Amino acid sequence: MPIRPLYRELAPFYEVLEERDYSSEVSLIASELERHGCRTVIDLGCGVGTHARMLAERGFEVTGIDLSPHMVRQARRASKGVTNVRFLVGDYYSYRPGRSFDAALCLNWSIPVVERDLARFLRNTWRLLKSRGLLIFDYENPSDIVWSDLGKPQVDSWQFGDACLVRVSVASLRRSVMRSRDVYIVFGKPRGFKPPSERERYLARWGREGVSVFLDISNVRFYETSHLRRVLARQGFQLETIHQIRTRRGYRRLYSVCVKEEPAKHG
C-alpha cells in the first residue's frame, strides 16, 4: 500500500498540522495508565512519536510502531536523548514482538475504518496485552459531524521560517465515513524538507519557483459508542470509560479506555 504524502514528504510538519492538544492528551492518558498500574506501553500507529516521547519523559517504557519509515525516522530524530522509548516500522495488524505490554495506544484517529479491519486490529492488540491490559484509542461520534463544513473548501495555513504551507480541504460523507481530499501547497524550502521523488509535472519547477503540491486523501469513520462497545466485546475488550477533550477549534475528541478481559472470557 502506498504511503500517503502526509506520512511521507510532509512528515516533518505532521505534529503541527494535526493541531492536537498533546499536553492535555498525554496528561489524560498518563492518569489512566497510572490508575491501572501500567508501566509498559505500545503506541500503535505512533506517527512522529509525540505521545510516545512525552509518556517516556514521564517515566513510562514506550514502544512506538508505524507503517511509515518516514514517520519513524522523524520520531527517532525528535526523541534523541529520551530514554525508555524506541520506534520501529511495523504493521499493527500483524506485529508480534515476542513480549506483552501493560497498555496499548492508538491515537490520531488511527483505528481502522472498515469493520473487518477493526476486528483484525483488536484481535492482534488483544494478543499484545497482558491480562487486564488497557487499550486507549480516540474516535469521533456521528453527533460531532459539522454538517455545514461538508463539501465546502476549508483553508488553513502555517508559517515555517521563510516557508509557508497551505492546506485546502474538501470533505464528503458516506455511511459514517468522512473522506477528506486535502491539497497541500508548500511555498519555499523549509528546513528539513525534501522535494518529492515522483516525476510529476511540478517537480521541474521546484528549483525555480520553490513550490510543491501534494494531494492527500484520508478516510475517518464516525463510530457510535454503542456499536463500538459491541465490537470491542466480541474481541475480548470491555469498554470501561470514555473521556473527551475539546480541541482548539471547538471540536470534541473522544478517548475510549478499554480493558482486556481475562482469557477465559475471550471468544
C-alpha atoms as a PDB file:
ATOM      1  CA  MET A   1       0.000   0.000   0.000  1.00  0.00           C
ATOM      2  CA  PRO A   2       1.470   3.399  -0.992  1.00  0.00           C
ATOM      3  CA  ILE A   3       2.296   5.723   1.898  1.00  0.00           C
ATOM      4  CA  ARG A   4       0.300   8.951   1.879  1.00  0.00           C
ATOM      5  CA  PRO A   5       2.189  12.254   1.359  1.00  0.00           C
ATOM      6  CA  LEU A   6       1.125  13.348   4.873  1.00  0.00           C
ATOM      7  CA  TYR A   7       3.103  10.393   6.230  1.00  0.00           C
ATOM      8  CA  ARG A   8       5.965  10.748   3.759  1.00  0.00           C
ATOM      9  CA  GLU A   9       7.180  14.119   2.449  1.00  0.00           C
ATOM     10  CA  LEU A  10       5.071  16.086   4.953  1.00  0.00           C
ATOM     11  CA  ALA A  11       6.191  14.045   7.967  1.00  0.00           C
ATOM     12  CA  PRO A  12       8.397  16.885   9.336  1.00  0.00           C
ATOM     13  CA  PHE A  13       5.259  19.041   9.666  1.00  0.00           C
ATOM     14  CA  TYR A  14       2.857  16.379  10.932  1.00  0.00           C
ATOM     15  CA  GLU A  15       2.879  17.399  14.595  1.00  0.00           C
ATOM     16  CA  VAL A  16       1.970  20.994  13.737  1.00  0.00           C
ATOM     17  CA  LEU A  17      -0.573  20.103  11.034  1.00  0.00           C
ATOM     18  CA  GLU A  18      -2.548  17.864  13.400  1.00  0.00           C
ATOM     19  CA  GLU A  19      -3.058  20.765  15.849  1.00  0.00           C
ATOM     20  CA  ARG A  20      -3.637  18.396  18.745  1.00  0.00           C
ATOM     21  CA  ASP A  21      -3.546  19.381  22.398  1.00  0.00           C
ATOM     22  CA  TYR A  22      -0.733  16.949  23.161  1.00  0.00           C
ATOM     23  CA  SER A  23      -0.280  18.164  26.732  1.00  0.00           C
ATOM     24  CA  SER A  24      -3.924  17.510  27.676  1.00  0.00           C
ATOM     25  CA  GLU A  25      -3.972  14.173  25.836  1.00  0.00           C
ATOM     26  CA  VAL A  26      -0.805  12.890  27.482  1.00  0.00           C
ATOM     27  CA  SER A  27      -1.981  14.023  30.923  1.00  0.00           C
ATOM     28  CA  LEU A  28      -5.259  12.155  30.411  1.00  0.00           C
ATOM     29  CA  ILE A  29      -3.530   9.017  29.142  1.00  0.00           C
ATOM     30  CA  ALA A  30      -0.869   9.082  31.868  1.00  0.00           C
ATOM     31  CA  SER A  31      -3.531   9.352  34.580  1.00  0.00           C
ATOM     32  CA  GLU A  32      -5.305   6.255  33.218  1.00  0.00           C
ATOM     33  CA  LEU A  33      -2.028   4.337  32.905  1.00  0.00           C
ATOM     34  CA  GLU A  34      -1.104   5.189  36.490  1.00  0.00           C
ATOM     35  CA  ARG A  35      -4.579   4.373  37.777  1.00  0.00           C
ATOM     36  CA  HIS A  36      -4.299   0.877  36.287  1.00  0.00           C
ATOM     37  CA  GLY A  37      -0.665   0.360  37.281  1.00  0.00           C
ATOM     38  CA  CYS A  38       0.655   0.302  33.700  1.00  0.00           C
ATOM     39  CA  ARG A  39       4.358   0.886  33.013  1.00  0.00           C
ATOM     40  CA  THR A  40       4.979  -0.647  29.573  1.00  0.00           C
ATOM     41  CA  VAL A  41       3.122   0.842  26.600  1.00  0.00           C
ATOM     42  CA  ILE A  42       2.926   0.155  22.881  1.00  0.00           C
ATOM     43  CA  ASP A  43       1.791   3.003  20.635  1.00  0.00           C
ATOM     44  CA  LEU A  44       0.154   1.518  17.524  1.00  0.00           C
ATOM     45  CA  GLY A  45       0.370   3.894  14.579  1.00  0.00           C
ATOM     46  CA  CYS A  46       2.646   6.195  16.566  1.00  0.00           C
ATOM     47  CA  GLY A  47       3.200   8.745  13.786  1.00  0.00           C
ATOM     48  CA  VAL A  48       6.061  11.100  14.610  1.00  0.00           C
ATOM     49  CA  GLY A  49       6.088   9.752  18.167  1.00  0.00           C
ATOM     50  CA  THR A  50       4.925  12.797  20.127  1.00  0.00           C
ATOM     51  CA  HIS A  51       2.671  10.874  22.520  1.00  0.00           C
ATOM     52  CA  ALA A  52       5.281   8.139  22.977  1.00  0.00           C
ATOM     53  CA  ARG A  53       8.065  10.632  23.622  1.00  0.00           C
ATOM     54  CA  MET A  54       6.059  12.641  26.158  1.00  0.00           C
ATOM     55  CA  LEU A  55       4.980   9.488  28.010  1.00  0.00           C
ATOM     56  CA  ALA A  56       8.588   8.275  28.119  1.00  0.00           C
ATOM     57  CA  GLU A  57       9.570  11.612  29.608  1.00  0.00           C
ATOM     58  CA  ARG A  58       7.062  10.869  32.382  1.00  0.00           C
ATOM     59  CA  GLY A  59       8.799   7.571  33.135  1.00  0.00           C
ATOM     60  CA  PHE A  60       6.817   5.043  31.096  1.00  0.00           C
ATOM     61  CA  GLU A  61       8.572   2.479  28.896  1.00  0.00           C
ATOM     62  CA  VAL A  62       7.166   3.013  25.406  1.00  0.00           C
ATOM     63  CA  THR A  63       7.488   1.230  22.061  1.00  0.00           C
ATOM     64  CA  GLY A  64       6.073   3.007  19.031  1.00  0.00           C
ATOM     65  CA  ILE A  65       5.338   1.317  15.710  1.00  0.00           C
ATOM     66  CA  ASP A  66       4.218   2.867  12.455  1.00  0.00           C
ATOM     67  CA  LEU A  67       3.864   1.654   8.900  1.00  0.00           C
ATOM     68  CA  SER A  68       5.687   4.692   7.513  1.00  0.00           C
ATOM     69  CA  PRO A  69       9.502   4.629   7.740  1.00  0.00           C
ATOM     70  CA  HIS A  70       9.407   8.397   7.199  1.00  0.00           C
ATOM     71  CA  MET A  71       7.319   8.901  10.330  1.00  0.00           C
ATOM     72  CA  VAL A  72       9.524   6.518  12.335  1.00  0.00           C
ATOM     73  CA  ARG A  73      12.638   8.361  11.172  1.00  0.00           C
ATOM     74  CA  GLN A  74      11.094  11.650  12.297  1.00  0.00           C
ATOM     75  CA  ALA A  75      10.078  10.108  15.653  1.00  0.00           C
ATOM     76  CA  ARG A  76      13.596   8.842  16.306  1.00  0.00           C
ATOM     77  CA  ARG A  77      15.095  12.224  15.448  1.00  0.00           C
ATOM     78  CA  ALA A  78      12.663  14.105  17.728  1.00  0.00           C
ATOM     79  CA  SER A  79      13.226  11.646  20.603  1.00  0.00           C
ATOM     80  CA  LYS A  80      17.011  11.648  20.526  1.00  0.00           C
ATOM     81  CA  GLY A  81      18.288  11.629  24.101  1.00  0.00           C
ATOM     82  CA  VAL A  82      14.975  10.454  25.584  1.00  0.00           C
ATOM     83  CA  THR A  83      15.328   7.161  27.443  1.00  0.00           C
ATOM     84  CA  ASN A  84      12.687   4.415  27.667  1.00  0.00           C
ATOM     85  CA  VAL A  85      11.351   4.942  24.146  1.00  0.00           C
ATOM     86  CA  ARG A  86      12.036   3.205  20.850  1.00  0.00           C
ATOM     87  CA  PHE A  87      10.419   3.296  17.430  1.00  0.00           C
ATOM     88  CA  LEU A  88      10.009   0.539  14.859  1.00  0.00           C
ATOM     89  CA  VAL A  89       8.463   0.174  11.414  1.00  0.00           C
ATOM     90  CA  GLY A  90       5.578  -2.244  11.768  1.00  0.00           C
ATOM     91  CA  ASP A  91       2.012  -3.156  10.837  1.00  0.00           C
ATOM     92  CA  TYR A  92      -0.413  -3.089  13.753  1.00  0.00           C
ATOM     93  CA  TYR A  93      -2.445  -5.929  12.219  1.00  0.00           C
ATOM     94  CA  SER A  94       0.427  -8.402  12.478  1.00  0.00           C
ATOM     95  CA  TYR A  95       3.141  -7.002  14.766  1.00  0.00           C
ATOM     96  CA  ARG A  96       4.305  -9.761  17.187  1.00  0.00           C
ATOM     97  CA  PRO A  97       7.270  -8.636  19.309  1.00  0.00           C
ATOM     98  CA  GLY A  98       7.555 -11.748  21.478  1.00  0.00           C
ATOM     99  CA  ARG A  99       6.580  -9.822  24.611  1.00  0.00           C
ATOM    100  CA  SER A 100       3.420  -8.331  26.070  1.00  0.00           C
ATOM    101  CA  PHE A 101       2.560  -4.845  27.292  1.00  0.00           C
ATOM    102  CA  ASP A 102       0.549  -3.291  30.087  1.00  0.00           C
ATOM    103  CA  ALA A 103      -1.216  -0.925  27.700  1.00  0.00           C
ATOM    104  CA  ALA A 104      -1.706  -0.104  24.023  1.00  0.00           C
ATOM    105  CA  LEU A 105      -2.496   3.245  22.432  1.00  0.00           C
ATOM    106  CA  CYS A 106      -3.980   4.014  19.024  1.00  0.00           C
ATOM    107  CA  LEU A 107      -4.392   7.754  18.559  1.00  0.00           C
ATOM    108  CA  ASN A 108      -4.770  10.370  15.829  1.00  0.00           C
ATOM    109  CA  TRP A 109      -7.938   8.591  14.610  1.00  0.00           C
ATOM    110  CA  SER A 110      -5.801   5.646  13.566  1.00  0.00           C
ATOM    111  CA  ILE A 111      -8.309   2.869  14.273  1.00  0.00           C
ATOM    112  CA  PRO A 112      -9.461   1.165  11.062  1.00  0.00           C
ATOM    113  CA  VAL A 113     -12.393   2.456   9.044  1.00  0.00           C
ATOM    114  CA  VAL A 114     -13.610  -0.919   7.731  1.00  0.00           C
ATOM    115  CA  GLU A 115     -15.214  -3.087  10.403  1.00  0.00           C
ATOM    116  CA  ARG A 116     -13.479  -6.334   9.455  1.00  0.00           C
ATOM    117  CA  ASP A 117     -10.144  -4.481   9.678  1.00  0.00           C
ATOM    118  CA  LEU A 118     -11.159  -3.096  13.069  1.00  0.00           C
ATOM    119  CA  ALA A 119     -11.765  -6.679  14.230  1.00  0.00           C
ATOM    120  CA  ARG A 120      -8.307  -7.715  12.929  1.00  0.00           C
ATOM    121  CA  PHE A 121      -6.722  -4.786  14.724  1.00  0.00           C
ATOM    122  CA  LEU A 122      -8.455  -5.619  18.005  1.00  0.00           C
ATOM    123  CA  ARG A 123      -7.537  -9.322  17.785  1.00  0.00           C
ATOM    124  CA  ASN A 124      -3.850  -8.558  17.378  1.00  0.00           C
ATOM    125  CA  THR A 125      -3.925  -5.865  20.064  1.00  0.00           C
ATOM    126  CA  TRP A 126      -5.525  -8.393  22.440  1.00  0.00           C
ATOM    127  CA  ARG A 127      -2.521 -10.676  21.850  1.00  0.00           C
ATOM    128  CA  LEU A 128      -0.079  -7.830  22.565  1.00  0.00           C
ATOM    129  CA  LEU A 129      -1.532  -7.067  26.002  1.00  0.00           C
ATOM    130  CA  LYS A 130      -1.084  -8.655  29.381  1.00  0.00           C
ATOM    131  CA  SER A 131      -4.122  -9.879  31.286  1.00  0.00           C
ATOM    132  CA  ARG A 132      -6.312  -6.887  32.201  1.00  0.00           C
ATOM    133  CA  GLY A 133      -4.189  -4.688  29.946  1.00  0.00           C
ATOM    134  CA  LEU A 134      -5.509  -1.358  28.676  1.00  0.00           C
ATOM    135  CA  LEU A 135      -6.362  -0.211  25.166  1.00  0.00           C
ATOM    136  CA  ILE A 136      -6.846   3.536  24.739  1.00  0.00           C
ATOM    137  CA  PHE A 137      -7.924   4.985  21.401  1.00  0.00           C
ATOM    138  CA  ASP A 138      -9.585   8.154  20.152  1.00  0.00           C
ATOM    139  CA  TYR A 139     -12.582   8.430  17.856  1.00  0.00           C
ATOM    140  CA  GLU A 140     -15.458  10.708  16.931  1.00  0.00           C
ATOM    141  CA  ASN A 141     -19.197  10.161  17.231  1.00  0.00           C
ATOM    142  CA  PRO A 142     -21.650  10.932  14.372  1.00  0.00           C
ATOM    143  CA  SER A 143     -23.117  13.647  16.596  1.00  0.00           C
ATOM    144  CA  ASP A 144     -19.801  15.500  16.205  1.00  0.00           C
ATOM    145  CA  ILE A 145     -20.090  15.871  12.423  1.00  0.00           C
ATOM    146  CA  VAL A 146     -20.036  19.524  11.383  1.00  0.00           C
ATOM    147  CA  TRP A 147     -22.562  19.283   8.567  1.00  0.00           C
ATOM    148  CA  SER A 148     -22.102  22.891   7.489  1.00  0.00           C
ATOM    149  CA  ASP A 149     -18.435  22.194   6.574  1.00  0.00           C
ATOM    150  CA  LEU A 150     -19.144  19.275   4.226  1.00  0.00           C
ATOM    151  CA  GLY A 151     -18.475  19.968   0.568  1.00  0.00           C
ATOM    152  CA  LYS A 152     -17.022  23.416   1.257  1.00  0.00           C
ATOM    153  CA  PRO A 153     -13.311  24.243   0.897  1.00  0.00           C
ATOM    154  CA  GLN A 154     -11.612  24.675   4.265  1.00  0.00           C
ATOM    155  CA  VAL A 155      -8.350  26.633   4.085  1.00  0.00           C
ATOM    156  CA  ASP A 156      -5.571  26.553   6.694  1.00  0.00           C
ATOM    157  CA  SER A 157      -2.015  27.868   6.601  1.00  0.00           C
ATOM    158  CA  TRP A 158       1.156  27.624   8.682  1.00  0.00           C
ATOM    159  CA  GLN A 159       4.427  29.508   8.635  1.00  0.00           C
ATOM    160  CA  PHE A 160       7.764  27.693   8.982  1.00  0.00           C
ATOM    161  CA  GLY A 161      10.515  30.300   8.998  1.00  0.00           C
ATOM    162  CA  ASP A 162      10.743  31.576   5.428  1.00  0.00           C
ATOM    163  CA  ALA A 163       8.412  28.858   4.157  1.00  0.00           C
ATOM    164  CA  CYS A 164       4.616  28.732   4.108  1.00  0.00           C
ATOM    165  CA  LEU A 165       2.372  25.688   3.933  1.00  0.00           C
ATOM    166  CA  VAL A 166      -1.261  25.991   2.807  1.00  0.00           C
ATOM    167  CA  ARG A 167      -3.895  23.248   3.013  1.00  0.00           C
ATOM    168  CA  VAL A 168      -7.192  23.286   1.135  1.00  0.00           C
ATOM    169  CA  SER A 169      -9.596  20.528   2.230  1.00  0.00           C
ATOM    170  CA  VAL A 170     -12.960  19.374   0.892  1.00  0.00           C
ATOM    171  CA  ALA A 171     -14.783  16.638   2.814  1.00  0.00           C
ATOM    172  CA  SER A 172     -17.674  14.360   1.905  1.00  0.00           C
ATOM    173  CA  LEU A 173     -19.573  11.810   3.983  1.00  0.00           C
ATOM    174  CA  ARG A 174     -20.921   8.383   3.120  1.00  0.00           C
ATOM    175  CA  ARG A 175     -22.162   5.804   5.613  1.00  0.00           C
ATOM    176  CA  SER A 176     -20.463   7.478   8.575  1.00  0.00           C
ATOM    177  CA  VAL A 177     -17.101   7.617   6.743  1.00  0.00           C
ATOM    178  CA  MET A 178     -15.702  11.070   6.074  1.00  0.00           C
ATOM    179  CA  ARG A 179     -13.466  11.284   3.031  1.00  0.00           C
ATOM    180  CA  SER A 180     -11.226  14.336   3.006  1.00  0.00           C
ATOM    181  CA  ARG A 181      -9.361  15.435  -0.110  1.00  0.00           C
ATOM    182  CA  ASP A 182      -6.535  17.675   1.026  1.00  0.00           C
ATOM    183  CA  VAL A 183      -4.243  19.678  -1.242  1.00  0.00           C
ATOM    184  CA  TYR A 184      -1.032  20.830   0.450  1.00  0.00           C
ATOM    185  CA  ILE A 185       0.960  23.628  -1.167  1.00  0.00           C
ATOM    186  CA  VAL A 186       4.451  24.338   0.138  1.00  0.00           C
ATOM    187  CA  PHE A 187       5.961  27.715  -0.717  1.00  0.00           C
ATOM    188  CA  GLY A 188       9.708  27.909  -0.112  1.00  0.00           C
ATOM    189  CA  LYS A 189      12.085  25.309   1.206  1.00  0.00           C
ATOM    190  CA  PRO A 190      11.578  24.825   4.940  1.00  0.00           C
ATOM    191  CA  ARG A 191      14.449  23.333   6.867  1.00  0.00           C
ATOM    192  CA  GLY A 192      14.457  19.539   6.830  1.00  0.00           C
ATOM    193  CA  PHE A 193      12.073  19.380   3.870  1.00  0.00           C
ATOM    194  CA  LYS A 194      12.952  17.489   0.702  1.00  0.00           C
ATOM    195  CA  PRO A 195      11.209  17.648  -2.676  1.00  0.00           C
ATOM    196  CA  PRO A 196       9.184  14.599  -3.718  1.00  0.00           C
ATOM    197  CA  SER A 197      10.878  11.872  -5.688  1.00  0.00           C
ATOM    198  CA  GLU A 198       7.911  11.313  -8.033  1.00  0.00           C
ATOM    199  CA  ARG A 199       8.271  12.594 -11.568  1.00  0.00           C
ATOM    200  CA  GLU A 200       5.281  14.869 -11.523  1.00  0.00           C
ATOM    201  CA  ARG A 201       4.739  17.954 -13.598  1.00  0.00           C
ATOM    202  CA  TYR A 202       5.566  20.381 -10.832  1.00  0.00           C
ATOM    203  CA  LEU A 203       8.888  18.690  -9.992  1.00  0.00           C
ATOM    204  CA  ALA A 204      10.731  20.517 -12.772  1.00  0.00           C
ATOM    205  CA  ARG A 205       9.667  23.845 -11.258  1.00  0.00           C
ATOM    206  CA  TRP A 206      10.880  23.051  -7.733  1.00  0.00           C
ATOM    207  CA  GLY A 207      14.257  24.706  -8.147  1.00  0.00           C
ATOM    208  CA  ARG A 208      12.953  27.788  -9.980  1.00  0.00           C
ATOM    209  CA  GLU A 209       9.721  28.533  -8.118  1.00  0.00           C
ATOM    210  CA  GLY A 210      10.182  26.862  -4.742  1.00  0.00           C
ATOM    211  CA  VAL A 211       6.629  25.473  -4.816  1.00  0.00           C
ATOM    212  CA  SER A 212       5.475  21.902  -4.290  1.00  0.00           C
ATOM    213  CA  VAL A 213       1.967  20.448  -4.334  1.00  0.00           C
ATOM    214  CA  PHE A 214       0.651  17.240  -2.737  1.00  0.00           C
ATOM    215  CA  LEU A 215      -2.743  15.581  -2.878  1.00  0.00           C
ATOM    216  CA  ASP A 216      -3.567  13.601   0.259  1.00  0.00           C
ATOM    217  CA  ILE A 217      -6.733  11.519   0.722  1.00  0.00           C
ATOM    218  CA  SER A 218      -7.887  10.433   4.172  1.00  0.00           C
ATOM    219  CA  ASN A 219     -10.855   8.464   5.497  1.00  0.00           C
ATOM    220  CA  VAL A 220     -12.159   8.675   9.068  1.00  0.00           C
ATOM    221  CA  ARG A 221     -15.114   6.725  10.396  1.00  0.00           C
ATOM    222  CA  PHE A 222     -17.505   8.187  12.945  1.00  0.00           C
ATOM    223  CA  TYR A 223     -18.438   5.405  15.366  1.00  0.00           C
ATOM    224  CA  GLU A 224     -21.500   5.172  17.560  1.00  0.00           C
ATOM    225  CA  THR A 225     -20.291   4.353  21.071  1.00  0.00           C
ATOM    226  CA  SER A 226     -22.886   1.573  21.470  1.00  0.00           C
ATOM    227  CA  HIS A 227     -21.635  -0.052  18.268  1.00  0.00           C
ATOM    228  CA  LEU A 228     -18.004   0.197  19.355  1.00  0.00           C
ATOM    229  CA  ARG A 229     -18.907  -1.382  22.682  1.00  0.00           C
ATOM    230  CA  ARG A 230     -20.361  -4.439  20.901  1.00  0.00           C
ATOM    231  CA  VAL A 231     -17.377  -4.797  18.536  1.00  0.00           C
ATOM    232  CA  LEU A 232     -14.933  -4.498  21.435  1.00  0.00           C
ATOM    233  CA  ALA A 233     -16.817  -7.119  23.476  1.00  0.00           C
ATOM    234  CA  ARG A 234     -16.685  -9.601  20.585  1.00  0.00           C
ATOM    235  CA  GLN A 235     -12.871  -9.253  20.526  1.00  0.00           C
ATOM    236  CA  GLY A 236     -12.327  -9.590  24.278  1.00  0.00           C
ATOM    237  CA  PHE A 237     -12.375  -5.970  25.462  1.00  0.00           C
ATOM    238  CA  GLN A 238     -14.621  -4.227  27.942  1.00  0.00           C
ATOM    239  CA  LEU A 239     -15.248  -0.535  27.331  1.00  0.00           C
ATOM    240  CA  GLU A 240     -14.661   0.960  30.770  1.00  0.00           C
ATOM    241  CA  THR A 241     -14.508   4.750  30.431  1.00  0.00           C
ATOM    242  CA  ILE A 242     -14.930   7.465  27.801  1.00  0.00           C
ATOM    243  CA  HIS A 243     -13.222  10.829  28.194  1.00  0.00           C
ATOM    244  CA  GLN A 244     -13.455  13.875  25.974  1.00  0.00           C
ATOM    245  CA  ILE A 245     -11.224  16.816  25.167  1.00  0.00           C
ATOM    246  CA  ARG A 246     -12.331  19.908  23.285  1.00  0.00           C
ATOM    247  CA  THR A 247      -9.943  20.960  20.534  1.00  0.00           C
ATOM    248  CA  ARG A 248      -8.772  24.499  19.944  1.00  0.00           C
ATOM    249  CA  ARG A 249     -11.365  24.737  17.171  1.00  0.00           C
ATOM    250  CA  GLY A 250     -14.153  23.573  19.446  1.00  0.00           C
ATOM    251  CA  TYR A 251     -14.393  20.014  18.097  1.00  0.00           C
ATOM    252  CA  ARG A 252     -14.791  17.143  20.550  1.00  0.00           C
ATOM    253  CA  ARG A 253     -12.431  14.167  20.623  1.00  0.00           C
ATOM    254  CA  LEU A 254     -13.499  11.046  22.496  1.00  0.00           C
ATOM    255  CA  TYR A 255     -10.984   8.774  24.218  1.00  0.00           C
ATOM    256  CA  SER A 256     -12.063   5.221  24.927  1.00  0.00           C
ATOM    257  CA  VAL A 257     -10.398   3.313  27.767  1.00  0.00           C
ATOM    258  CA  CYS A 258     -10.877  -0.448  27.333  1.00  0.00           C
ATOM    259  CA  VAL A 259      -9.749  -3.374  29.484  1.00  0.00           C
ATOM    260  CA  LYS A 260      -8.672  -6.712  28.093  1.00  0.00           C
ATOM    261  CA  GLU A 261     -10.887  -9.392  29.568  1.00  0.00           C
ATOM    262  CA  GLU A 262      -9.460 -12.448  31.230  1.00  0.00           C
ATOM    263  CA  PRO A 263      -8.504 -15.266  28.802  1.00  0.00           C
ATOM    264  CA  ALA A 264     -11.417 -17.407  29.947  1.00  0.00           C
ATOM    265  CA  LYS A 265     -13.846 -14.766  28.735  1.00  0.00           C
ATOM    266  CA  HIS A 266     -12.203 -14.196  25.350  1.00  0.00           C
ATOM    267  CA  GLY A 267     -14.077 -15.507  22.310  1.00  0.00           C
END
